[in-house]
Amino acid sequence: MEFLTQYGMFLAKAVTVVVAILAVVIFTLASSMKNKAEKGELKITDISERLADLAHDLKEELLSKKQFKAYEKEVKEKQKQADKADEKRNKVFVLDFKGSIDANEVTSLREEVTAVLTIAEQGDEVLVNVESGGGMVHGYGLASSQLDRIRQANIPLNVCVDKVAASGGYMMACVADKVFAAPFAIVGSIGVVAQLPNFNRLLKKHEIDYEQHTAGNFKRTLTVFGENTDEGRGKFQEELEETHVLFKSFVSKYRPDMDISKVATGEHWYGQQAIELGLVDEISTSDDVVLNFAKSHQVIQIKYQTRKKLADKIAHGASLSVNSVINRVIERSNQV
């Protein structure tokens, strides 16, 4: 009986120790996962290697055994010579920016740009695929500033527009040393727009009072619920005009040879028209640009990924949905 008692106490102590160890391990793992989720991580993909694998698989499928054997021998010989000569290929770093209205994606963009600036060497270039119909001025202003960091580091910057880079999207694209656009990509829309509903008459009809107190004559110009004044409307329009002037000045800084008076009307154009106006430099899809770079450079895609909470995913999804609707409105206004 005494033996069983001692054994039971030993077993209880052992279980306690194991549970304590497991608790420490679980806590450590949870903490590391939490930090990882907060910090995010960089995903690096060698596009050149992927293209080489694709070519290899297609050759194997389409060539005869004899031809494929000769092809493999040729590839190995080229690789052997490159290794012997210790040849160094310059890199092209590919970044993707698909922007929502609030340009929340700039959080990842700034991490990607920082990563590129950390490892880029002389002779390397950057290619950014931009897709956005624009949005908040401050958000896209910051996104444009991130791309300007690349130019300030004297690294050639290329931007590709496959679908749309309008308003804030074009604010980003114009920073590039060279802008590529697909034939029917939508670019331009160098203008400023703001609109809001006013429910003041509805509130009055139902005898609902609304009060708004401010310090400063123009702390609020237009309001959703209060009664708007001509003075407030005038000030609001003045602010829009000032923002437009800043926008035009920004575009002119990076594309000085373009006639800004012709393109800063708020209109948008297709790629084929945009090249005539100087908004873009060359008609090409991002796929062809990548393939051309792959002939002489090692093409590397860099993507910063973060794990988002459910609420953040819902909010981000809603923002993208609204932005998608705006893009469709722009596109449908000029349907084929």
C-alpha atoms as a PDB file:
ATOM      1  CA  MET A   1       0.000   0.000   0.000  1.00  0.00           C
ATOM      2  CA  GLU A   2       2.864   2.337   0.844  1.00  0.00           C
ATOM      3  CA  PHE A   3       4.434   1.489  -2.501  1.00  0.00           C
ATOM      4  CA  LEU A   4       1.253   2.476  -4.341  1.00  0.00           C
ATOM      5  CA  THR A   5       1.095   5.741  -2.418  1.00  0.00           C
ATOM      6  CA  GLN A   6       4.702   6.605  -3.294  1.00  0.00           C
ATOM      7  CA  TYR A   7       4.147   5.573  -6.880  1.00  0.00           C
ATOM      8  CA  GLY A   8       1.035   7.743  -7.076  1.00  0.00           C
ATOM      9  CA  MET A   9       2.946  10.742  -5.704  1.00  0.00           C
ATOM     10  CA  PHE A  10       5.776  10.131  -8.174  1.00  0.00           C
ATOM     11  CA  LEU A  11       3.303   9.869 -11.028  1.00  0.00           C
ATOM     12  CA  ALA A  12       1.571  13.090  -9.948  1.00  0.00           C
ATOM     13  CA  LYS A  13       4.912  14.926  -9.829  1.00  0.00           C
ATOM     14  CA  ALA A  14       5.878  13.582 -13.254  1.00  0.00           C
ATOM     15  CA  VAL A  15       2.555  14.655 -14.768  1.00  0.00           C
ATOM     16  CA  THR A  16       2.940  18.094 -13.166  1.00  0.00           C
ATOM     17  CA  VAL A  17       6.431  18.499 -14.642  1.00  0.00           C
ATOM     18  CA  VAL A  18       5.256  17.384 -18.108  1.00  0.00           C
ATOM     19  CA  VAL A  19       2.254  19.724 -17.980  1.00  0.00           C
ATOM     20  CA  ALA A  20       4.511  22.613 -16.889  1.00  0.00           C
ATOM     21  CA  ILE A  21       6.942  21.912 -19.744  1.00  0.00           C
ATOM     22  CA  LEU A  22       4.091  21.708 -22.251  1.00  0.00           C
ATOM     23  CA  ALA A  23       2.660  24.975 -20.935  1.00  0.00           C
ATOM     24  CA  VAL A  24       6.018  26.718 -21.423  1.00  0.00           C
ATOM     25  CA  VAL A  25       6.391  25.280 -24.945  1.00  0.00           C
ATOM     26  CA  ILE A  26       2.833  26.281 -25.926  1.00  0.00           C
ATOM     27  CA  PHE A  27       3.304  29.794 -24.516  1.00  0.00           C
ATOM     28  CA  THR A  28       6.606  30.191 -26.400  1.00  0.00           C
ATOM     29  CA  LEU A  29       5.073  28.981 -29.659  1.00  0.00           C
ATOM     30  CA  ALA A  30       2.037  31.205 -29.205  1.00  0.00           C
ATOM     31  CA  SER A  31       4.252  34.229 -28.568  1.00  0.00           C
ATOM     32  CA  SER A  32       6.410  33.534 -31.614  1.00  0.00           C
ATOM     33  CA  MET A  33       3.335  33.038 -33.804  1.00  0.00           C
ATOM     34  CA  LYS A  34       1.848  36.254 -32.480  1.00  0.00           C
ATOM     35  CA  ASN A  35       5.042  38.179 -33.241  1.00  0.00           C
ATOM     36  CA  LYS A  36       5.215  36.596 -36.664  1.00  0.00           C
ATOM     37  CA  ALA A  37       1.619  37.538 -37.348  1.00  0.00           C
ATOM     38  CA  GLU A  38       2.239  41.115 -36.255  1.00  0.00           C
ATOM     39  CA  LYS A  39       5.481  41.539 -38.146  1.00  0.00           C
ATOM     40  CA  GLY A  40       4.545  39.586 -41.247  1.00  0.00           C
ATOM     41  CA  GLU A  41       7.062  37.945 -43.526  1.00  0.00           C
ATOM     42  CA  LEU A  42       8.671  38.423 -46.908  1.00  0.00           C
ATOM     43  CA  LYS A  43       7.896  35.855 -49.567  1.00  0.00           C
ATOM     44  CA  ILE A  44      10.549  35.661 -52.280  1.00  0.00           C
ATOM     45  CA  THR A  45       9.855  33.903 -55.587  1.00  0.00           C
ATOM     46  CA  ASP A  46      12.454  33.333 -58.297  1.00  0.00           C
ATOM     47  CA  ILE A  47      10.418  34.034 -61.452  1.00  0.00           C
ATOM     48  CA  SER A  48      13.420  33.278 -63.680  1.00  0.00           C
ATOM     49  CA  GLU A  49      13.669  29.797 -62.190  1.00  0.00           C
ATOM     50  CA  ARG A  50       9.933  29.288 -62.637  1.00  0.00           C
ATOM     51  CA  LEU A  51      10.177  30.282 -66.323  1.00  0.00           C
ATOM     52  CA  ALA A  52      13.154  27.946 -66.793  1.00  0.00           C
ATOM     53  CA  ASP A  53      11.174  25.072 -65.246  1.00  0.00           C
ATOM     54  CA  LEU A  54       8.238  25.865 -67.511  1.00  0.00           C
ATOM     55  CA  ALA A  55      10.468  25.809 -70.602  1.00  0.00           C
ATOM     56  CA  HIS A  56      12.019  22.521 -69.452  1.00  0.00           C
ATOM     57  CA  ASP A  57       8.620  20.860 -68.964  1.00  0.00           C
ATOM     58  CA  LEU A  58       7.310  22.062 -72.337  1.00  0.00           C
ATOM     59  CA  LYS A  59      10.462  20.927 -74.151  1.00  0.00           C
ATOM     60  CA  GLU A  60      10.195  17.507 -72.510  1.00  0.00           C
ATOM     61  CA  GLU A  61       6.586  17.235 -73.636  1.00  0.00           C
ATOM     62  CA  LEU A  62       7.024  18.493 -77.195  1.00  0.00           C
ATOM     63  CA  LEU A  63      10.491  17.327 -78.283  1.00  0.00           C
ATOM     64  CA  SER A  64      11.548  13.837 -79.201  1.00  0.00           C
ATOM     65  CA  LYS A  65      13.729  12.000 -76.699  1.00  0.00           C
ATOM     66  CA  LYS A  66      16.799  12.631 -78.819  1.00  0.00           C
ATOM     67  CA  GLN A  67      16.030  16.338 -79.209  1.00  0.00           C
ATOM     68  CA  PHE A  68      15.240  16.732 -75.523  1.00  0.00           C
ATOM     69  CA  LYS A  69      18.482  15.022 -74.570  1.00  0.00           C
ATOM     70  CA  ALA A  70      20.397  17.437 -76.783  1.00  0.00           C
ATOM     71  CA  TYR A  71      18.502  20.353 -75.238  1.00  0.00           C
ATOM     72  CA  GLU A  72      19.358  19.238 -71.694  1.00  0.00           C
ATOM     73  CA  LYS A  73      22.996  18.827 -72.669  1.00  0.00           C
ATOM     74  CA  GLU A  74      23.026  22.363 -74.088  1.00  0.00           C
ATOM     75  CA  VAL A  75      21.448  23.803 -70.935  1.00  0.00           C
ATOM     76  CA  LYS A  76      23.942  22.005 -68.687  1.00  0.00           C
ATOM     77  CA  GLU A  77      26.843  23.216 -70.827  1.00  0.00           C
ATOM     78  CA  LYS A  78      25.661  26.831 -70.590  1.00  0.00           C
ATOM     79  CA  GLN A  79      25.248  26.509 -66.835  1.00  0.00           C
ATOM     80  CA  LYS A  80      28.701  24.965 -66.528  1.00  0.00           C
ATOM     81  CA  GLN A  81      30.265  27.832 -68.474  1.00  0.00           C
ATOM     82  CA  ALA A  82      28.383  30.391 -66.376  1.00  0.00           C
ATOM     83  CA  ASP A  83      29.562  28.724 -63.149  1.00  0.00           C
ATOM     84  CA  LYS A  84      33.127  28.572 -64.431  1.00  0.00           C
ATOM     85  CA  ALA A  85      33.128  32.221 -65.436  1.00  0.00           C
ATOM     86  CA  ASP A  86      31.400  33.105 -62.160  1.00  0.00           C
ATOM     87  CA  GLU A  87      29.001  35.319 -64.095  1.00  0.00           C
ATOM     88  CA  LYS A  88      26.852  37.655 -62.067  1.00  0.00           C
ATOM     89  CA  ARG A  89      23.391  38.488 -63.368  1.00  0.00           C
ATOM     90  CA  ASN A  90      21.754  41.738 -62.411  1.00  0.00           C
ATOM     91  CA  LYS A  91      18.358  41.411 -60.771  1.00  0.00           C
ATOM     92  CA  VAL A  92      14.917  42.847 -61.399  1.00  0.00           C
ATOM     93  CA  PHE A  93      12.768  42.968 -58.289  1.00  0.00           C
ATOM     94  CA  VAL A  94       9.040  42.683 -58.993  1.00  0.00           C
ATOM     95  CA  LEU A  95       6.494  44.237 -56.624  1.00  0.00           C
ATOM     96  CA  ASP A  96       2.697  44.161 -56.942  1.00  0.00           C
ATOM     97  CA  PHE A  97       0.394  46.930 -55.749  1.00  0.00           C
ATOM     98  CA  LYS A  98      -3.349  46.399 -56.062  1.00  0.00           C
ATOM     99  CA  GLY A  99      -4.726  49.402 -54.249  1.00  0.00           C
ATOM    100  CA  SER A 100      -7.985  49.946 -52.411  1.00  0.00           C
ATOM    101  CA  ILE A 101      -9.596  53.318 -51.708  1.00  0.00           C
ATOM    102  CA  ASP A 102      -7.624  53.971 -48.529  1.00  0.00           C
ATOM    103  CA  ALA A 103      -4.365  52.620 -50.066  1.00  0.00           C
ATOM    104  CA  ASN A 104      -3.966  50.387 -47.021  1.00  0.00           C
ATOM    105  CA  GLU A 105      -1.634  48.209 -49.116  1.00  0.00           C
ATOM    106  CA  VAL A 106       1.085  50.819 -48.617  1.00  0.00           C
ATOM    107  CA  THR A 107       1.868  49.019 -45.333  1.00  0.00           C
ATOM    108  CA  SER A 108       3.204  46.053 -47.310  1.00  0.00           C
ATOM    109  CA  LEU A 109       4.698  48.245 -50.043  1.00  0.00           C
ATOM    110  CA  ARG A 110       6.940  50.112 -47.634  1.00  0.00           C
ATOM    111  CA  GLU A 111       8.301  46.800 -46.279  1.00  0.00           C
ATOM    112  CA  GLU A 112       8.930  45.528 -49.816  1.00  0.00           C
ATOM    113  CA  VAL A 113      10.685  48.732 -50.867  1.00  0.00           C
ATOM    114  CA  THR A 114      12.859  48.650 -47.748  1.00  0.00           C
ATOM    115  CA  ALA A 115      13.802  45.041 -48.524  1.00  0.00           C
ATOM    116  CA  VAL A 116      14.768  45.958 -52.089  1.00  0.00           C
ATOM    117  CA  LEU A 117      16.856  48.936 -50.983  1.00  0.00           C
ATOM    118  CA  THR A 118      18.650  46.686 -48.516  1.00  0.00           C
ATOM    119  CA  ILE A 119      19.869  44.186 -51.106  1.00  0.00           C
ATOM    120  CA  ALA A 120      19.819  45.993 -54.484  1.00  0.00           C
ATOM    121  CA  GLU A 121      23.156  46.544 -56.176  1.00  0.00           C
ATOM    122  CA  GLN A 122      24.336  48.629 -59.101  1.00  0.00           C
ATOM    123  CA  GLY A 123      22.733  47.405 -62.315  1.00  0.00           C
ATOM    124  CA  ASP A 124      19.597  46.077 -60.599  1.00  0.00           C
ATOM    125  CA  GLU A 125      16.133  47.410 -61.446  1.00  0.00           C
ATOM    126  CA  VAL A 126      12.644  47.414 -59.949  1.00  0.00           C
ATOM    127  CA  LEU A 127       9.351  46.623 -61.674  1.00  0.00           C
ATOM    128  CA  VAL A 128       6.081  47.547 -59.945  1.00  0.00           C
ATOM    129  CA  ASN A 129       2.727  46.300 -61.233  1.00  0.00           C
ATOM    130  CA  VAL A 130       0.175  48.962 -60.291  1.00  0.00           C
ATOM    131  CA  GLU A 131      -3.574  48.407 -60.365  1.00  0.00           C
ATOM    132  CA  SER A 132      -5.769  51.069 -58.786  1.00  0.00           C
ATOM    133  CA  GLY A 133      -8.535  53.501 -59.612  1.00  0.00           C
ATOM    134  CA  GLY A 134      -7.270  55.864 -56.914  1.00  0.00           C
ATOM    135  CA  GLY A 135      -8.613  56.892 -53.538  1.00  0.00           C
ATOM    136  CA  MET A 136      -7.563  58.966 -50.541  1.00  0.00           C
ATOM    137  CA  VAL A 137      -4.973  61.628 -51.293  1.00  0.00           C
ATOM    138  CA  HIS A 138      -2.816  61.038 -48.219  1.00  0.00           C
ATOM    139  CA  GLY A 139      -2.780  57.254 -48.735  1.00  0.00           C
ATOM    140  CA  TYR A 140      -1.693  57.418 -52.359  1.00  0.00           C
ATOM    141  CA  GLY A 141       0.667  60.273 -51.585  1.00  0.00           C
ATOM    142  CA  LEU A 142       2.499  57.962 -49.178  1.00  0.00           C
ATOM    143  CA  ALA A 143       2.448  55.103 -51.701  1.00  0.00           C
ATOM    144  CA  SER A 144       3.988  57.408 -54.330  1.00  0.00           C
ATOM    145  CA  SER A 145       6.635  58.493 -51.831  1.00  0.00           C
ATOM    146  CA  GLN A 146       7.561  54.843 -51.287  1.00  0.00           C
ATOM    147  CA  LEU A 147       8.252  54.451 -55.009  1.00  0.00           C
ATOM    148  CA  ASP A 148      10.225  57.692 -54.973  1.00  0.00           C
ATOM    149  CA  ARG A 149      12.543  56.088 -52.411  1.00  0.00           C
ATOM    150  CA  ILE A 150      13.622  53.735 -55.185  1.00  0.00           C
ATOM    151  CA  ARG A 151      14.367  56.587 -57.572  1.00  0.00           C
ATOM    152  CA  GLN A 152      16.248  58.493 -54.879  1.00  0.00           C
ATOM    153  CA  ALA A 153      18.477  55.426 -54.479  1.00  0.00           C
ATOM    154  CA  ASN A 154      19.334  55.685 -58.212  1.00  0.00           C
ATOM    155  CA  ILE A 155      17.710  52.337 -58.981  1.00  0.00           C
ATOM    156  CA  PRO A 156      15.843  52.323 -62.315  1.00  0.00           C
ATOM    157  CA  LEU A 157      12.127  52.118 -61.600  1.00  0.00           C
ATOM    158  CA  ASN A 158       9.623  50.626 -64.049  1.00  0.00           C
ATOM    159  CA  VAL A 159       5.837  50.567 -63.629  1.00  0.00           C
ATOM    160  CA  CYS A 160       3.431  48.312 -65.529  1.00  0.00           C
ATOM    161  CA  VAL A 161      -0.283  49.033 -65.865  1.00  0.00           C
ATOM    162  CA  ASP A 162      -2.288  46.084 -67.167  1.00  0.00           C
ATOM    163  CA  LYS A 163      -5.780  47.288 -66.228  1.00  0.00           C
ATOM    164  CA  VAL A 164      -6.059  50.660 -64.518  1.00  0.00           C
ATOM    165  CA  ALA A 165      -3.845  53.301 -62.893  1.00  0.00           C
ATOM    166  CA  ALA A 166      -6.118  56.293 -62.537  1.00  0.00           C
ATOM    167  CA  SER A 167      -6.007  59.277 -60.176  1.00  0.00           C
ATOM    168  CA  GLY A 168      -3.993  58.051 -57.160  1.00  0.00           C
ATOM    169  CA  GLY A 169      -2.956  55.016 -59.206  1.00  0.00           C
ATOM    170  CA  TYR A 170      -1.428  57.295 -61.831  1.00  0.00           C
ATOM    171  CA  MET A 171       0.138  59.399 -59.073  1.00  0.00           C
ATOM    172  CA  MET A 172       2.139  56.257 -58.291  1.00  0.00           C
ATOM    173  CA  ALA A 173       2.816  55.287 -61.908  1.00  0.00           C
ATOM    174  CA  CYS A 174       4.188  58.687 -62.951  1.00  0.00           C
ATOM    175  CA  VAL A 175       7.061  58.355 -60.451  1.00  0.00           C
ATOM    176  CA  ALA A 176       8.642  55.646 -62.625  1.00  0.00           C
ATOM    177  CA  ASP A 177      11.539  56.189 -64.999  1.00  0.00           C
ATOM    178  CA  LYS A 178       9.528  54.180 -67.524  1.00  0.00           C
ATOM    179  CA  VAL A 179       5.799  53.449 -67.615  1.00  0.00           C
ATOM    180  CA  PHE A 180       4.442  50.471 -69.547  1.00  0.00           C
ATOM    181  CA  ALA A 181       0.715  50.111 -70.249  1.00  0.00           C
ATOM    182  CA  ALA A 182      -1.390  47.459 -71.948  1.00  0.00           C
ATOM    183  CA  PRO A 183      -3.167  48.728 -75.088  1.00  0.00           C
ATOM    184  CA  PHE A 184      -6.513  49.155 -73.331  1.00  0.00           C
ATOM    185  CA  ALA A 185      -5.287  49.900 -69.814  1.00  0.00           C
ATOM    186  CA  ILE A 186      -6.950  52.970 -68.278  1.00  0.00           C
ATOM    187  CA  VAL A 187      -4.572  55.718 -67.142  1.00  0.00           C
ATOM    188  CA  GLY A 188      -4.776  59.380 -66.199  1.00  0.00           C
ATOM    189  CA  SER A 189      -7.719  60.899 -64.327  1.00  0.00           C
ATOM    190  CA  ILE A 190      -5.471  63.660 -62.960  1.00  0.00           C
ATOM    191  CA  GLY A 191      -8.142  65.412 -60.970  1.00  0.00           C
ATOM    192  CA  VAL A 192      -9.715  65.606 -57.536  1.00  0.00           C
ATOM    193  CA  VAL A 193     -13.251  64.654 -56.567  1.00  0.00           C
ATOM    194  CA  ALA A 194     -15.197  64.771 -53.306  1.00  0.00           C
ATOM    195  CA  GLN A 195     -18.876  64.212 -52.706  1.00  0.00           C
ATOM    196  CA  LEU A 196     -21.151  63.684 -49.727  1.00  0.00           C
ATOM    197  CA  PRO A 197     -24.894  63.511 -49.073  1.00  0.00           C
ATOM    198  CA  ASN A 198     -26.707  66.026 -46.887  1.00  0.00           C
ATOM    199  CA  PHE A 199     -29.609  64.964 -44.676  1.00  0.00           C
ATOM    200  CA  ASN A 200     -30.370  68.346 -43.152  1.00  0.00           C
ATOM    201  CA  ARG A 201     -33.788  68.787 -44.806  1.00  0.00           C
ATOM    202  CA  LEU A 202     -34.775  65.245 -43.830  1.00  0.00           C
ATOM    203  CA  LEU A 203     -33.836  65.939 -40.206  1.00  0.00           C
ATOM    204  CA  LYS A 204     -35.820  69.199 -40.220  1.00  0.00           C
ATOM    205  CA  LYS A 205     -38.818  67.420 -41.677  1.00  0.00           C
ATOM    206  CA  HIS A 206     -38.819  65.011 -38.749  1.00  0.00           C
ATOM    207  CA  GLU A 207     -38.026  67.819 -36.277  1.00  0.00           C
ATOM    208  CA  ILE A 208     -34.620  66.427 -35.386  1.00  0.00           C
ATOM    209  CA  ASP A 209     -32.033  68.938 -34.236  1.00  0.00           C
ATOM    210  CA  TYR A 210     -28.366  68.558 -35.142  1.00  0.00           C
ATOM    211  CA  GLU A 211     -25.594  70.514 -33.472  1.00  0.00           C
ATOM    212  CA  GLN A 212     -21.964  70.825 -34.500  1.00  0.00           C
ATOM    213  CA  HIS A 213     -19.480  72.970 -32.590  1.00  0.00           C
ATOM    214  CA  THR A 214     -16.104  73.977 -34.013  1.00  0.00           C
ATOM    215  CA  ALA A 215     -13.218  76.280 -33.144  1.00  0.00           C
ATOM    216  CA  GLY A 216     -12.004  77.943 -36.329  1.00  0.00           C
ATOM    217  CA  ASN A 217     -14.140  79.275 -39.173  1.00  0.00           C
ATOM    218  CA  PHE A 218     -13.321  76.426 -41.520  1.00  0.00           C
ATOM    219  CA  LYS A 219     -12.703  73.502 -39.184  1.00  0.00           C
ATOM    220  CA  ARG A 220     -15.651  72.006 -41.056  1.00  0.00           C
ATOM    221  CA  THR A 221     -16.640  73.311 -44.495  1.00  0.00           C
ATOM    222  CA  LEU A 222     -19.396  70.934 -45.600  1.00  0.00           C
ATOM    223  CA  THR A 223     -21.372  68.683 -43.299  1.00  0.00           C
ATOM    224  CA  VAL A 224     -23.594  65.630 -43.772  1.00  0.00           C
ATOM    225  CA  PHE A 225     -26.235  66.554 -41.207  1.00  0.00           C
ATOM    226  CA  GLY A 226     -25.961  70.303 -40.721  1.00  0.00           C
ATOM    227  CA  GLU A 227     -27.094  73.092 -43.053  1.00  0.00           C
ATOM    228  CA  ASN A 228     -24.342  73.915 -45.540  1.00  0.00           C
ATOM    229  CA  THR A 229     -23.571  77.516 -46.461  1.00  0.00           C
ATOM    230  CA  ASP A 230     -22.288  79.111 -49.672  1.00  0.00           C
ATOM    231  CA  GLU A 231     -19.222  80.213 -47.726  1.00  0.00           C
ATOM    232  CA  GLY A 232     -18.546  76.619 -46.704  1.00  0.00           C
ATOM    233  CA  ARG A 233     -19.074  75.380 -50.260  1.00  0.00           C
ATOM    234  CA  GLY A 234     -16.693  77.993 -51.582  1.00  0.00           C
ATOM    235  CA  LYS A 235     -13.996  77.026 -49.103  1.00  0.00           C
ATOM    236  CA  PHE A 236     -14.488  73.324 -49.877  1.00  0.00           C
ATOM    237  CA  GLN A 237     -14.066  74.008 -53.616  1.00  0.00           C
ATOM    238  CA  GLU A 238     -10.973  76.085 -52.881  1.00  0.00           C
ATOM    239  CA  GLU A 239      -9.417  73.166 -51.019  1.00  0.00           C
ATOM    240  CA  LEU A 240     -10.157  70.838 -53.937  1.00  0.00           C
ATOM    241  CA  GLU A 241      -8.489  73.264 -56.346  1.00  0.00           C
ATOM    242  CA  GLU A 242      -5.422  73.501 -54.114  1.00  0.00           C
ATOM    243  CA  THR A 243      -5.152  69.714 -54.012  1.00  0.00           C
ATOM    244  CA  HIS A 244      -5.468  69.611 -57.802  1.00  0.00           C
ATOM    245  CA  VAL A 245      -2.628  72.119 -58.160  1.00  0.00           C
ATOM    246  CA  LEU A 246      -0.435  69.944 -55.934  1.00  0.00           C
ATOM    247  CA  PHE A 247      -1.372  66.864 -57.975  1.00  0.00           C
ATOM    248  CA  LYS A 248      -0.467  68.573 -61.268  1.00  0.00           C
ATOM    249  CA  SER A 249       2.795  69.842 -59.822  1.00  0.00           C
ATOM    250  CA  PHE A 250       3.666  66.328 -58.627  1.00  0.00           C
ATOM    251  CA  VAL A 251       3.029  64.774 -62.051  1.00  0.00           C
ATOM    252  CA  SER A 252       4.958  67.532 -63.845  1.00  0.00           C
ATOM    253  CA  LYS A 253       7.943  66.935 -61.581  1.00  0.00           C
ATOM    254  CA  TYR A 254       8.360  63.376 -62.841  1.00  0.00           C
ATOM    255  CA  ARG A 255       7.118  63.880 -66.413  1.00  0.00           C
ATOM    256  CA  PRO A 256       8.311  67.387 -67.309  1.00  0.00           C
ATOM    257  CA  ASP A 257       7.977  66.902 -71.070  1.00  0.00           C
ATOM    258  CA  MET A 258       4.247  66.216 -70.829  1.00  0.00           C
ATOM    259  CA  ASP A 259       1.736  69.023 -71.502  1.00  0.00           C
ATOM    260  CA  ILE A 260       0.040  68.986 -68.108  1.00  0.00           C
ATOM    261  CA  SER A 261      -2.725  71.362 -69.235  1.00  0.00           C
ATOM    262  CA  LYS A 262      -3.914  68.730 -71.738  1.00  0.00           C
ATOM    263  CA  VAL A 263      -4.012  65.779 -69.365  1.00  0.00           C
ATOM    264  CA  ALA A 264      -4.916  67.297 -65.986  1.00  0.00           C
ATOM    265  CA  THR A 265      -8.599  67.650 -66.832  1.00  0.00           C
ATOM    266  CA  GLY A 266      -9.767  64.670 -64.799  1.00  0.00           C
ATOM    267  CA  GLU A 267     -10.205  62.593 -67.973  1.00  0.00           C
ATOM    268  CA  HIS A 268      -8.785  59.127 -68.429  1.00  0.00           C
ATOM    269  CA  TRP A 269      -7.365  57.494 -71.545  1.00  0.00           C
ATOM    270  CA  TYR A 270      -6.530  54.049 -72.884  1.00  0.00           C
ATOM    271  CA  GLY A 271      -2.908  53.007 -73.189  1.00  0.00           C
ATOM    272  CA  GLN A 272      -2.777  53.608 -76.939  1.00  0.00           C
ATOM    273  CA  GLN A 273      -4.016  57.170 -76.467  1.00  0.00           C
ATOM    274  CA  ALA A 274      -1.934  57.737 -73.344  1.00  0.00           C
ATOM    275  CA  ILE A 275       1.348  57.114 -75.141  1.00  0.00           C
ATOM    276  CA  GLU A 276       0.562  59.931 -77.580  1.00  0.00           C
ATOM    277  CA  LEU A 277      -0.111  62.287 -74.654  1.00  0.00           C
ATOM    278  CA  GLY A 278       3.079  61.293 -72.838  1.00  0.00           C
ATOM    279  CA  LEU A 279       1.311  59.643 -69.913  1.00  0.00           C
ATOM    280  CA  VAL A 280       3.083  56.337 -70.632  1.00  0.00           C
ATOM    281  CA  ASP A 281       6.272  55.405 -72.476  1.00  0.00           C
ATOM    282  CA  GLU A 282       5.602  52.045 -74.081  1.00  0.00           C
ATOM    283  CA  ILE A 283       2.688  49.751 -74.927  1.00  0.00           C
ATOM    284  CA  SER A 284       3.269  46.359 -73.353  1.00  0.00           C
ATOM    285  CA  THR A 285       1.739  43.971 -70.854  1.00  0.00           C
ATOM    286  CA  SER A 286       3.540  43.108 -67.627  1.00  0.00           C
ATOM    287  CA  ASP A 287       3.960  39.531 -68.903  1.00  0.00           C
ATOM    288  CA  ASP A 288       6.035  40.673 -71.885  1.00  0.00           C
ATOM    289  CA  VAL A 289       8.033  43.097 -69.762  1.00  0.00           C
ATOM    290  CA  VAL A 290       8.943  40.267 -67.370  1.00  0.00           C
ATOM    291  CA  LEU A 291       9.863  37.918 -70.219  1.00  0.00           C
ATOM    292  CA  ASN A 292      12.143  40.558 -71.765  1.00  0.00           C
ATOM    293  CA  PHE A 293      13.849  41.246 -68.451  1.00  0.00           C
ATOM    294  CA  ALA A 294      14.309  37.499 -67.870  1.00  0.00           C
ATOM    295  CA  LYS A 295      16.553  37.307 -70.959  1.00  0.00           C
ATOM    296  CA  SER A 296      19.212  39.438 -69.309  1.00  0.00           C
ATOM    297  CA  HIS A 297      18.324  39.599 -65.594  1.00  0.00           C
ATOM    298  CA  GLN A 298      17.358  37.343 -62.744  1.00  0.00           C
ATOM    299  CA  VAL A 299      13.738  38.244 -62.027  1.00  0.00           C
ATOM    300  CA  ILE A 300      12.772  38.052 -58.342  1.00  0.00           C
ATOM    301  CA  GLN A 301       9.306  38.724 -56.940  1.00  0.00           C
ATOM    302  CA  ILE A 302       9.111  40.147 -53.428  1.00  0.00           C
ATOM    303  CA  LYS A 303       5.862  40.136 -51.486  1.00  0.00           C
ATOM    304  CA  TYR A 304       5.296  41.138 -47.863  1.00  0.00           C
ATOM    305  CA  GLN A 305       2.484  39.169 -46.250  1.00  0.00           C
ATOM    306  CA  THR A 306       0.770  39.721 -42.926  1.00  0.00           C
ATOM    307  CA  ARG A 307      -1.804  37.606 -41.132  1.00  0.00           C
ATOM    308  CA  LYS A 308      -4.890  39.732 -40.661  1.00  0.00           C
ATOM    309  CA  LYS A 309      -7.594  39.476 -38.057  1.00  0.00           C
ATOM    310  CA  LEU A 310     -11.086  38.606 -39.223  1.00  0.00           C
ATOM    311  CA  ALA A 311     -12.305  42.185 -38.734  1.00  0.00           C
ATOM    312  CA  ASP A 312      -9.374  43.522 -40.779  1.00  0.00           C
ATOM    313  CA  LYS A 313     -10.074  41.018 -43.550  1.00  0.00           C
ATOM    314  CA  ILE A 314     -13.723  42.065 -43.698  1.00  0.00           C
ATOM    315  CA  ALA A 315     -12.858  45.780 -43.739  1.00  0.00           C
ATOM    316  CA  HIS A 316     -10.154  45.278 -46.365  1.00  0.00           C
ATOM    317  CA  GLY A 317     -12.474  43.153 -48.481  1.00  0.00           C
ATOM    318  CA  ALA A 318     -15.183  45.809 -48.299  1.00  0.00           C
ATOM    319  CA  SER A 319     -12.691  48.472 -49.348  1.00  0.00           C
ATOM    320  CA  LEU A 320     -11.536  46.393 -52.306  1.00  0.00           C
ATOM    321  CA  SER A 321     -15.156  45.736 -53.284  1.00  0.00           C
ATOM    322  CA  VAL A 322     -15.984  49.440 -53.326  1.00  0.00           C
ATOM    323  CA  ASN A 323     -12.795  50.167 -55.249  1.00  0.00           C
ATOM    324  CA  SER A 324     -13.690  47.423 -57.723  1.00  0.00           C
ATOM    325  CA  VAL A 325     -17.101  49.006 -58.279  1.00  0.00           C
ATOM    326  CA  ILE A 326     -15.465  52.371 -58.999  1.00  0.00           C
ATOM    327  CA  ASN A 327     -13.063  50.736 -61.452  1.00  0.00           C
ATOM    328  CA  ARG A 328     -15.970  49.020 -63.202  1.00  0.00           C
ATOM    329  CA  VAL A 329     -17.843  52.311 -63.464  1.00  0.00           C
ATOM    330  CA  ILE A 330     -14.808  53.859 -65.159  1.00  0.00           C
ATOM    331  CA  GLU A 331     -14.414  50.869 -67.459  1.00  0.00           C
ATOM    332  CA  ARG A 332     -18.120  50.637 -68.371  1.00  0.00           C
ATOM    333  CA  SER A 333     -18.240  54.267 -69.353  1.00  0.00           C
ATOM    334  CA  ASN A 334     -16.144  53.239 -72.359  1.00  0.00           C
ATOM    335  CA  GLN A 335     -17.277  49.727 -73.205  1.00  0.00           C
ATOM    336  CA  VAL A 336     -16.481  48.084 -76.520  1.00  0.00           C
END
